[in-house]
Amino acid sequence: MKGFTKQENSWMFYDWANSAYSIIITTAIFPIFYKAAATNAGVSAANSTAYLGYTISIFTFILAMLSPILGTVADYQGMKKRFFTFFFGLGVLSTAFLAFVPSEQWLLLLICYTIASIGSTGANVFYDAFLVDVTTEKRMDRISARGFGLGYIGSTIPFIISIAIIMLAQTETIPLSSTNASRIAFIITAIWWGIFAIPMLKHVHQKHYINREPKLVLNSFKRLANTFKEIKKYRAVFLFLLAYFFYIDGVGTVISMSTAYGTDLGISATNLLVVLFVTQVVAAPFAILYGRLSERFTGKKMLYVGICVYIIVCIYAFFLETVLDFWILAMLVATSQGGIQALSRSYFAKLIPKNHANEFFGFYNIFGKFASIMGPVLLGATAQVTGKSNMGVFSLVILFIIGFIILAYVPEPKSESAA
């Protein structure tokens, strides 16, 4: 793309690669595949939704524990790329393996999904930290937002191919069962992710780092402990992470549980897939728009806008009854899900010391992941107690309100204050 360096383009292109996992595995086809397997095994709709929520909580807890430690080690010269490559490889291989799990083994499906998600999310920790290595502080909002935009656009291609195969199988146009068609979608995801990550692996390198020293792991723990002791020096970082903890919890829960929620409302798998496809298409320009508007109104104000949109989403979800309602809800989410994630990433990158980017993005991840434990559990528990999934989604409103209030106390980054 013109106007961007090779490093910026290669970094942004990884969103193009990895977002296929986000739409096909996290949001669309796998949840429907899993729900069908659980239903065939005699698991109720409310319980299968709750089990999916609990599973998400388990793998996010594992990553939350590992991220600060791995991030601190990754700040040493040459280590960031190694960690990124390991988790990237784990994610790709585990995603491909999903295709070979017997469909009736719903519990094994959840276990493999956990491993694949650890790979995907773990790689993203180091991918996000590479933002400080590929561009300048003034360009971070635009680069981060364009990365999300590329992700939405790129993910639609394997998604369309996967949907086409599944629909052709359902109409018996091709000699495949719907189950095997879904398995092919998992293989397509792994291949897409692996191939288009090559520019990232080839051209993006660690620019900001700490020089190697003996006993890397031991000294990493010491540096981590020292950061905790000196947390007062990073007041802006701490307050932002606290705000992020709450509002990103709601964002992540809405994204990961949307198809399960739609299934509980009686919306057909075909309608769900079409809605999710259109959501991706709409989300791409809006993610880029958030980046552009942040240069005019600041990233913080645009984060306020995104949080307010999600509050409206949760309230509207409470009254959801028809397919049209679900369409409206999905389009509201599409306007802000990419923007709020992209600007959170770049806003945080502006606040932290660059040569400790991995350590601080480890904290960024731990706050995000611990939040992702609370949201799905809150949604799942509320759905089980009330017997209504819409009550679970409505309960997320409080998380966005708390996040909004705390964000108001976060000081502006120097670059935005100067602007």
Protein backbone atom coordinates (compact mmCIF):
# COMPACT_ATOMS: atom_id res chain seq x y z
CA MET A 1 0.00 0.00 0.00
CA LYS A 2 1.29 3.43 -0.94
CA GLY A 3 2.26 5.80 1.85
CA PHE A 4 3.33 3.03 4.19
CA THR A 5 6.71 1.43 4.81
CA LYS A 6 7.43 -2.24 4.16
CA GLN A 7 7.50 -2.85 7.92
CA GLU A 8 4.17 -1.08 8.45
CA ASN A 9 2.52 -2.98 5.60
CA SER A 10 3.90 -6.33 6.80
CA TRP A 11 2.71 -5.68 10.34
CA MET A 12 -0.77 -4.59 9.22
CA PHE A 13 -1.02 -7.60 6.89
CA TYR A 14 -0.85 -9.99 9.84
CA ASP A 15 -4.31 -8.73 10.82
CA TRP A 16 -5.38 -9.83 7.32
CA ALA A 17 -3.98 -13.29 8.09
CA ASN A 18 -5.09 -13.82 11.68
CA SER A 19 -8.58 -12.35 11.38
CA ALA A 20 -9.70 -15.45 9.48
CA TYR A 21 -9.35 -17.26 12.82
CA SER A 22 -11.35 -14.58 14.62
CA ILE A 23 -14.36 -14.77 12.30
CA ILE A 24 -14.41 -18.48 11.42
CA ILE A 25 -13.26 -20.08 14.68
CA THR A 26 -14.02 -17.56 17.43
CA THR A 27 -17.20 -15.99 16.11
CA ALA A 28 -18.93 -17.92 13.35
CA ILE A 29 -18.51 -21.48 12.16
CA PHE A 30 -16.86 -23.20 15.12
CA PRO A 31 -19.44 -22.01 17.71
CA ILE A 32 -22.26 -23.26 15.47
CA PHE A 33 -20.38 -26.53 14.87
CA TYR A 34 -19.83 -26.94 18.62
CA LYS A 35 -23.45 -26.04 19.51
CA ALA A 36 -24.72 -28.69 17.08
CA ALA A 37 -22.36 -31.30 18.54
CA ALA A 38 -23.43 -30.45 22.11
CA THR A 39 -27.12 -30.53 21.20
CA ASN A 40 -26.73 -33.95 19.55
CA ALA A 41 -25.07 -35.14 22.75
CA GLY A 42 -28.11 -34.05 24.78
CA VAL A 43 -26.70 -30.83 26.25
CA SER A 44 -29.29 -28.04 26.64
CA ALA A 45 -28.88 -24.76 24.73
CA ALA A 46 -28.34 -22.67 27.89
CA ASN A 47 -25.78 -25.13 29.28
CA SER A 48 -23.81 -25.45 26.04
CA THR A 49 -23.62 -21.65 25.83
CA ALA A 50 -22.44 -21.53 29.44
CA TYR A 51 -19.80 -24.23 28.83
CA LEU A 52 -18.45 -22.24 25.89
CA GLY A 53 -18.24 -19.18 28.11
CA TYR A 54 -16.42 -21.14 30.82
CA THR A 55 -13.99 -22.54 28.24
CA ILE A 56 -13.14 -19.03 27.05
CA SER A 57 -12.52 -18.09 30.68
CA ILE A 58 -10.12 -21.02 31.16
CA PHE A 59 -7.83 -20.29 28.23
CA THR A 60 -7.85 -16.56 28.92
CA PHE A 61 -6.83 -17.27 32.52
CA ILE A 62 -3.88 -19.37 31.31
CA LEU A 63 -2.69 -16.59 29.00
CA ALA A 64 -3.27 -13.94 31.63
CA MET A 65 -0.87 -15.77 33.93
CA LEU A 66 1.80 -16.29 31.28
CA SER A 67 1.72 -12.99 29.38
CA PRO A 68 3.59 -10.64 31.77
CA ILE A 69 6.35 -13.20 32.36
CA LEU A 70 6.78 -14.07 28.68
CA GLY A 71 6.51 -10.41 27.73
CA THR A 72 9.29 -9.44 30.12
CA VAL A 73 11.60 -12.11 28.68
CA ALA A 74 10.64 -11.05 25.15
CA ASP A 75 11.97 -7.53 25.75
CA TYR A 76 15.49 -8.93 25.37
CA GLN A 77 17.07 -8.63 21.94
CA GLY A 78 15.75 -11.18 19.44
CA MET A 79 13.26 -12.81 21.81
CA LYS A 80 10.06 -11.09 20.66
CA LYS A 81 10.06 -12.75 17.24
CA ARG A 82 10.77 -16.19 18.77
CA PHE A 83 7.78 -16.01 21.10
CA PHE A 84 5.54 -14.69 18.35
CA THR A 85 6.57 -17.52 16.00
CA PHE A 86 5.98 -20.21 18.65
CA PHE A 87 2.43 -19.11 19.50
CA PHE A 88 1.62 -18.45 15.85
CA GLY A 89 2.70 -22.02 14.98
CA LEU A 90 0.72 -23.47 17.90
CA GLY A 91 -2.40 -21.64 16.75
CA VAL A 92 -2.17 -22.68 13.11
CA LEU A 93 -1.54 -26.35 13.88
CA SER A 94 -4.28 -26.57 16.53
CA THR A 95 -6.78 -24.90 14.20
CA ALA A 96 -6.03 -27.48 11.51
CA PHE A 97 -6.40 -30.27 14.09
CA LEU A 98 -9.98 -29.14 14.86
CA ALA A 99 -10.94 -30.61 11.48
CA PHE A 100 -10.03 -34.10 12.67
CA VAL A 101 -11.94 -34.15 15.98
CA PRO A 102 -15.07 -36.37 15.82
CA SER A 103 -18.12 -34.08 15.84
CA GLU A 104 -19.82 -36.02 18.65
CA GLN A 105 -16.87 -35.31 20.96
CA TRP A 106 -18.03 -31.85 22.06
CA LEU A 107 -15.74 -31.81 25.10
CA LEU A 108 -12.66 -32.65 23.00
CA LEU A 109 -13.70 -29.89 20.59
CA LEU A 110 -13.59 -27.42 23.47
CA ILE A 111 -10.15 -28.66 24.55
CA CYS A 112 -8.71 -28.24 21.05
CA TYR A 113 -10.40 -24.87 20.77
CA THR A 114 -8.66 -23.86 24.00
CA ILE A 115 -5.20 -24.78 22.63
CA ALA A 116 -5.84 -23.02 19.31
CA SER A 117 -7.04 -19.91 21.13
CA ILE A 118 -3.95 -19.88 23.33
CA GLY A 119 -1.86 -19.90 20.15
CA SER A 120 -3.87 -17.16 18.45
CA THR A 121 -4.16 -14.88 21.45
CA GLY A 122 -0.59 -15.51 22.57
CA ALA A 123 0.78 -14.53 19.15
CA ASN A 124 -1.33 -11.37 19.27
CA VAL A 125 0.37 -10.27 22.51
CA PHE A 126 3.73 -10.04 20.73
CA TYR A 127 2.16 -8.84 17.49
CA ASP A 128 0.62 -5.88 19.32
CA ALA A 129 3.96 -5.11 20.99
CA PHE A 130 5.63 -4.93 17.55
CA LEU A 131 3.59 -1.76 16.87
CA VAL A 132 6.26 0.32 18.61
CA ASP A 133 8.92 -1.21 16.31
CA VAL A 134 7.26 -0.59 12.94
CA THR A 135 6.04 3.01 13.10
CA THR A 136 6.24 6.37 14.85
CA GLU A 137 4.03 7.50 17.72
CA LYS A 138 2.14 9.98 15.55
CA ARG A 139 1.20 7.25 13.05
CA MET A 140 0.19 4.59 15.58
CA ASP A 141 -3.56 5.30 15.56
CA ARG A 142 -3.72 5.17 11.76
CA ILE A 143 -1.53 2.05 11.46
CA SER A 144 -3.38 0.19 14.23
CA ALA A 145 -6.81 1.09 12.84
CA ARG A 146 -5.83 0.23 9.26
CA GLY A 147 -4.56 -3.12 10.52
CA PHE A 148 -8.00 -3.88 11.93
CA GLY A 149 -9.59 -2.66 8.69
CA LEU A 150 -7.40 -5.00 6.66
CA GLY A 151 -8.31 -7.79 9.05
CA TYR A 152 -12.02 -7.35 8.44
CA ILE A 153 -11.54 -7.21 4.67
CA GLY A 154 -9.14 -10.15 4.55
CA SER A 155 -11.23 -12.36 6.79
CA THR A 156 -14.23 -12.09 4.47
CA ILE A 157 -12.47 -14.01 1.70
CA PRO A 158 -11.95 -17.35 3.52
CA PHE A 159 -15.28 -16.73 5.24
CA ILE A 160 -17.11 -16.49 1.88
CA ILE A 161 -15.35 -19.61 0.63
CA SER A 162 -16.26 -21.48 3.82
CA ILE A 163 -19.89 -20.34 3.76
CA ALA A 164 -20.18 -21.32 0.08
CA ILE A 165 -18.89 -24.83 0.80
CA ILE A 166 -21.25 -25.24 3.77
CA MET A 167 -24.29 -24.01 1.83
CA LEU A 168 -23.49 -26.19 -1.16
CA ALA A 169 -23.21 -29.13 1.21
CA GLN A 170 -26.56 -28.28 2.88
CA THR A 171 -28.30 -28.17 -0.51
CA GLU A 172 -26.54 -31.41 -1.53
CA THR A 173 -25.00 -29.63 -4.52
CA ILE A 174 -21.66 -31.15 -3.54
CA PRO A 175 -21.21 -34.63 -2.01
CA LEU A 176 -20.31 -33.42 1.47
CA SER A 177 -22.13 -33.42 4.79
CA SER A 178 -22.52 -30.10 6.61
CA THR A 179 -20.20 -31.44 9.29
CA ASN A 180 -17.39 -32.19 6.84
CA ALA A 181 -17.96 -28.84 5.13
CA SER A 182 -17.35 -27.13 8.48
CA ARG A 183 -14.17 -29.17 8.91
CA ILE A 184 -12.92 -27.91 5.53
CA ALA A 185 -13.52 -24.37 6.84
CA PHE A 186 -11.15 -25.09 9.73
CA ILE A 187 -8.46 -26.25 7.27
CA ILE A 188 -8.99 -23.15 5.11
CA THR A 189 -8.53 -20.97 8.19
CA ALA A 190 -5.22 -22.60 9.11
CA ILE A 191 -3.85 -22.34 5.55
CA TRP A 192 -4.94 -18.71 5.15
CA TRP A 193 -3.45 -17.74 8.51
CA GLY A 194 -0.16 -19.52 7.81
CA ILE A 195 0.42 -18.20 4.28
CA PHE A 196 -0.40 -14.55 4.85
CA ALA A 197 1.65 -14.33 8.05
CA ILE A 198 4.84 -14.76 5.97
CA PRO A 199 5.41 -10.97 5.43
CA MET A 200 5.21 -10.44 9.19
CA LEU A 201 7.71 -13.23 9.83
CA LYS A 202 10.04 -11.98 7.10
CA HIS A 203 10.07 -8.19 7.39
CA VAL A 204 9.12 -7.18 10.95
CA HIS A 205 11.95 -7.11 13.46
CA GLN A 206 12.45 -5.97 17.02
CA LYS A 207 13.78 -2.40 17.04
CA HIS A 208 13.38 -1.51 20.70
CA TYR A 209 14.90 -3.99 23.13
CA ILE A 210 17.06 -4.63 26.19
CA ASN A 211 20.51 -6.09 25.65
CA ARG A 212 20.96 -9.76 26.50
CA GLU A 213 22.36 -10.63 29.93
CA PRO A 214 23.04 -13.83 31.88
CA LYS A 215 20.09 -15.59 33.53
CA LEU A 216 17.42 -14.07 31.29
CA VAL A 217 14.46 -15.66 33.07
CA LEU A 218 15.65 -14.79 36.59
CA ASN A 219 16.41 -11.20 35.64
CA SER A 220 13.06 -10.97 33.84
CA PHE A 221 11.28 -11.84 37.07
CA LYS A 222 13.32 -9.17 38.85
CA ARG A 223 12.38 -6.57 36.25
CA LEU A 224 8.74 -7.59 36.50
CA ALA A 225 8.82 -7.23 40.28
CA ASN A 226 10.52 -3.86 39.96
CA THR A 227 7.80 -2.64 37.62
CA PHE A 228 5.19 -3.59 40.20
CA LYS A 229 7.11 -1.68 42.89
CA GLU A 230 7.41 1.41 40.72
CA ILE A 231 3.85 1.33 39.41
CA LYS A 232 3.28 4.87 40.73
CA LYS A 233 5.67 6.13 38.03
CA TYR A 234 3.25 4.79 35.43
CA ARG A 235 -0.02 6.23 36.77
CA ALA A 236 -1.42 6.90 33.28
CA VAL A 237 -0.64 3.33 32.21
CA PHE A 238 -2.26 1.84 35.32
CA LEU A 239 -5.45 3.91 35.01
CA PHE A 240 -5.79 3.10 31.33
CA LEU A 241 -5.36 -0.62 32.01
CA LEU A 242 -8.02 -0.44 34.71
CA ALA A 243 -10.47 1.25 32.33
CA TYR A 244 -9.51 -1.18 29.57
CA PHE A 245 -10.09 -4.10 31.94
CA PHE A 246 -13.77 -3.25 32.17
CA TYR A 247 -14.79 -2.00 28.73
CA ILE A 248 -12.79 -4.52 26.67
CA ASP A 249 -14.36 -7.29 28.74
CA GLY A 250 -17.75 -6.38 27.32
CA VAL A 251 -16.37 -6.02 23.78
CA GLY A 252 -14.69 -9.44 23.83
CA THR A 253 -17.71 -11.16 25.36
CA VAL A 254 -20.10 -9.73 22.75
CA ILE A 255 -17.79 -10.87 19.93
CA SER A 256 -17.06 -14.39 21.23
CA MET A 257 -20.59 -15.21 22.39
CA SER A 258 -22.63 -13.57 19.61
CA THR A 259 -23.33 -16.67 17.51
CA ALA A 260 -24.16 -18.80 20.56
CA TYR A 261 -26.56 -16.05 21.68
CA GLY A 262 -28.15 -15.86 18.23
CA THR A 263 -28.58 -19.64 18.16
CA ASP A 264 -30.37 -19.55 21.53
CA LEU A 265 -32.79 -16.97 20.07
CA GLY A 266 -33.70 -19.43 17.30
CA ILE A 267 -31.85 -17.70 14.46
CA SER A 268 -30.80 -20.23 11.82
CA ALA A 269 -27.16 -21.05 11.15
CA THR A 270 -27.47 -19.70 7.59
CA ASN A 271 -28.82 -16.35 8.79
CA LEU A 272 -26.10 -16.12 11.42
CA LEU A 273 -23.35 -16.68 8.87
CA VAL A 274 -24.76 -14.08 6.47
CA VAL A 275 -25.12 -11.51 9.26
CA LEU A 276 -21.55 -12.12 10.41
CA PHE A 277 -20.23 -11.76 6.87
CA VAL A 278 -21.95 -8.39 6.39
CA THR A 279 -20.69 -7.33 9.83
CA GLN A 280 -17.12 -7.91 8.69
CA VAL A 281 -17.65 -5.88 5.51
CA VAL A 282 -19.20 -2.96 7.40
CA ALA A 283 -16.60 -3.07 10.19
CA ALA A 284 -13.63 -2.55 7.83
CA PRO A 285 -14.29 1.06 6.78
CA PHE A 286 -15.49 1.99 10.27
CA ALA A 287 -12.23 0.75 11.82
CA ILE A 288 -10.26 2.92 9.40
CA LEU A 289 -12.66 5.82 10.07
CA TYR A 290 -11.94 5.59 13.81
CA GLY A 291 -8.24 5.95 13.03
CA ARG A 292 -8.85 9.01 10.85
CA LEU A 293 -11.20 10.66 13.35
CA SER A 294 -8.75 10.06 16.20
CA GLU A 295 -6.28 12.36 14.42
CA ARG A 296 -8.88 15.10 14.53
CA PHE A 297 -10.65 14.49 17.85
CA THR A 298 -7.98 12.41 19.71
CA GLY A 299 -8.01 8.69 20.38
CA LYS A 300 -9.51 9.12 23.85
CA LYS A 301 -12.66 10.84 22.58
CA MET A 302 -13.16 8.15 19.96
CA LEU A 303 -12.83 5.50 22.68
CA TYR A 304 -15.69 7.26 24.48
CA VAL A 305 -17.76 7.00 21.31
CA GLY A 306 -17.04 3.27 20.99
CA ILE A 307 -17.97 2.57 24.62
CA CYS A 308 -21.27 4.46 24.25
CA VAL A 309 -22.15 2.44 21.14
CA TYR A 310 -21.59 -0.80 23.06
CA ILE A 311 -23.80 0.37 25.92
CA ILE A 312 -26.57 0.86 23.36
CA VAL A 313 -25.82 -2.62 21.94
CA CYS A 314 -26.27 -4.31 25.34
CA ILE A 315 -29.51 -2.46 26.06
CA TYR A 316 -30.92 -3.24 22.60
CA ALA A 317 -29.94 -6.92 22.99
CA PHE A 318 -32.28 -7.19 25.96
CA PHE A 319 -35.26 -6.56 23.66
CA LEU A 320 -34.02 -8.73 20.80
CA GLU A 321 -36.75 -10.92 19.28
CA THR A 322 -36.51 -11.14 15.50
CA VAL A 323 -33.88 -11.70 12.81
CA LEU A 324 -34.22 -8.00 11.90
CA ASP A 325 -33.36 -7.08 15.49
CA PHE A 326 -30.25 -9.25 15.28
CA TRP A 327 -29.26 -7.50 12.02
CA ILE A 328 -29.60 -4.08 13.65
CA LEU A 329 -27.59 -5.25 16.64
CA ALA A 330 -24.84 -6.67 14.42
CA MET A 331 -24.56 -3.44 12.41
CA LEU A 332 -24.24 -1.41 15.62
CA VAL A 333 -21.41 -3.69 16.74
CA ALA A 334 -19.78 -3.39 13.31
CA THR A 335 -19.51 0.38 13.61
CA SER A 336 -17.28 0.21 16.66
CA GLN A 337 -15.74 -3.19 17.42
CA GLY A 338 -12.65 -2.64 15.27
CA GLY A 339 -12.24 1.01 16.19
CA ILE A 340 -12.36 0.52 19.94
CA GLN A 341 -9.83 -2.34 19.81
CA ALA A 342 -7.48 -0.57 17.39
CA LEU A 343 -7.41 2.72 19.31
CA SER A 344 -7.00 0.93 22.65
CA ARG A 345 -3.88 -0.76 21.26
CA SER A 346 -2.36 2.43 19.86
CA TYR A 347 -3.36 4.59 22.85
CA PHE A 348 -1.59 2.17 25.17
CA ALA A 349 1.48 2.03 22.91
CA LYS A 350 1.81 5.81 23.24
CA LEU A 351 1.82 5.63 27.04
CA ILE A 352 4.54 2.99 27.57
CA PRO A 353 8.37 3.05 27.40
CA LYS A 354 9.24 1.58 24.00
CA ASN A 355 12.14 -0.66 25.07
CA HIS A 356 9.84 -2.35 27.59
CA ALA A 357 6.97 -2.75 25.12
CA ASN A 358 6.60 -6.52 25.56
CA GLU A 359 6.55 -6.31 29.34
CA PHE A 360 3.88 -3.61 29.28
CA PHE A 361 1.87 -5.30 26.55
CA GLY A 362 2.04 -8.35 28.81
CA PHE A 363 0.18 -6.29 31.40
CA TYR A 364 -2.13 -5.03 28.65
CA ASN A 365 -2.88 -8.65 27.83
CA ILE A 366 -3.32 -9.76 31.43
CA PHE A 367 -5.85 -7.00 32.09
CA GLY A 368 -7.65 -7.83 28.88
CA LYS A 369 -7.61 -11.54 29.53
CA PHE A 370 -8.71 -11.34 33.16
CA ALA A 371 -11.53 -9.15 31.95
CA SER A 372 -12.41 -11.85 29.41
CA ILE A 373 -12.74 -14.30 32.29
CA MET A 374 -15.30 -12.15 34.07
CA GLY A 375 -17.50 -11.29 31.08
CA PRO A 376 -18.27 -14.79 29.77
CA VAL A 377 -18.77 -16.09 33.32
CA LEU A 378 -21.15 -13.20 34.06
CA LEU A 379 -23.05 -13.83 30.84
CA GLY A 380 -23.09 -17.60 31.30
CA ALA A 381 -24.13 -17.51 34.95
CA THR A 382 -26.86 -14.95 34.31
CA ALA A 383 -28.18 -17.00 31.38
CA GLN A 384 -28.30 -20.15 33.52
CA VAL A 385 -29.93 -18.49 36.53
CA THR A 386 -32.59 -16.65 34.52
CA GLY A 387 -32.87 -19.14 31.68
CA LYS A 388 -32.63 -16.20 29.27
CA SER A 389 -29.52 -15.37 27.21
CA ASN A 390 -30.63 -11.76 26.66
CA MET A 391 -30.34 -11.10 30.40
CA GLY A 392 -26.70 -12.22 30.22
CA VAL A 393 -25.90 -9.72 27.47
CA PHE A 394 -27.76 -6.92 29.26
CA SER A 395 -25.67 -7.51 32.40
CA LEU A 396 -22.57 -6.39 30.48
CA VAL A 397 -23.75 -2.74 30.52
CA ILE A 398 -22.21 -2.16 33.94
CA LEU A 399 -18.74 -3.09 32.61
CA PHE A 400 -18.88 -0.43 29.91
CA ILE A 401 -20.10 2.24 32.32
CA ILE A 402 -17.28 1.55 34.80
CA GLY A 403 -14.71 1.58 31.98
CA PHE A 404 -16.03 4.90 30.68
CA ILE A 405 -15.78 6.55 34.11
CA ILE A 406 -12.21 5.37 34.78
CA LEU A 407 -11.05 6.35 31.28
CA ALA A 408 -12.01 9.96 32.10
CA TYR A 409 -9.16 10.04 34.65
CA VAL A 410 -6.50 8.78 32.23
CA PRO A 411 -4.06 11.56 31.22
CA GLU A 412 -3.64 12.21 27.50
CA PRO A 413 -0.48 10.81 25.82
CA LYS A 414 2.13 13.49 25.11
CA SER A 415 1.57 13.26 21.35
CA GLU A 416 -2.18 13.87 21.71
CA SER A 417 -1.69 16.68 24.24
CA ALA A 418 0.66 18.39 21.81
CA ALA A 419 -1.85 17.98 19.01
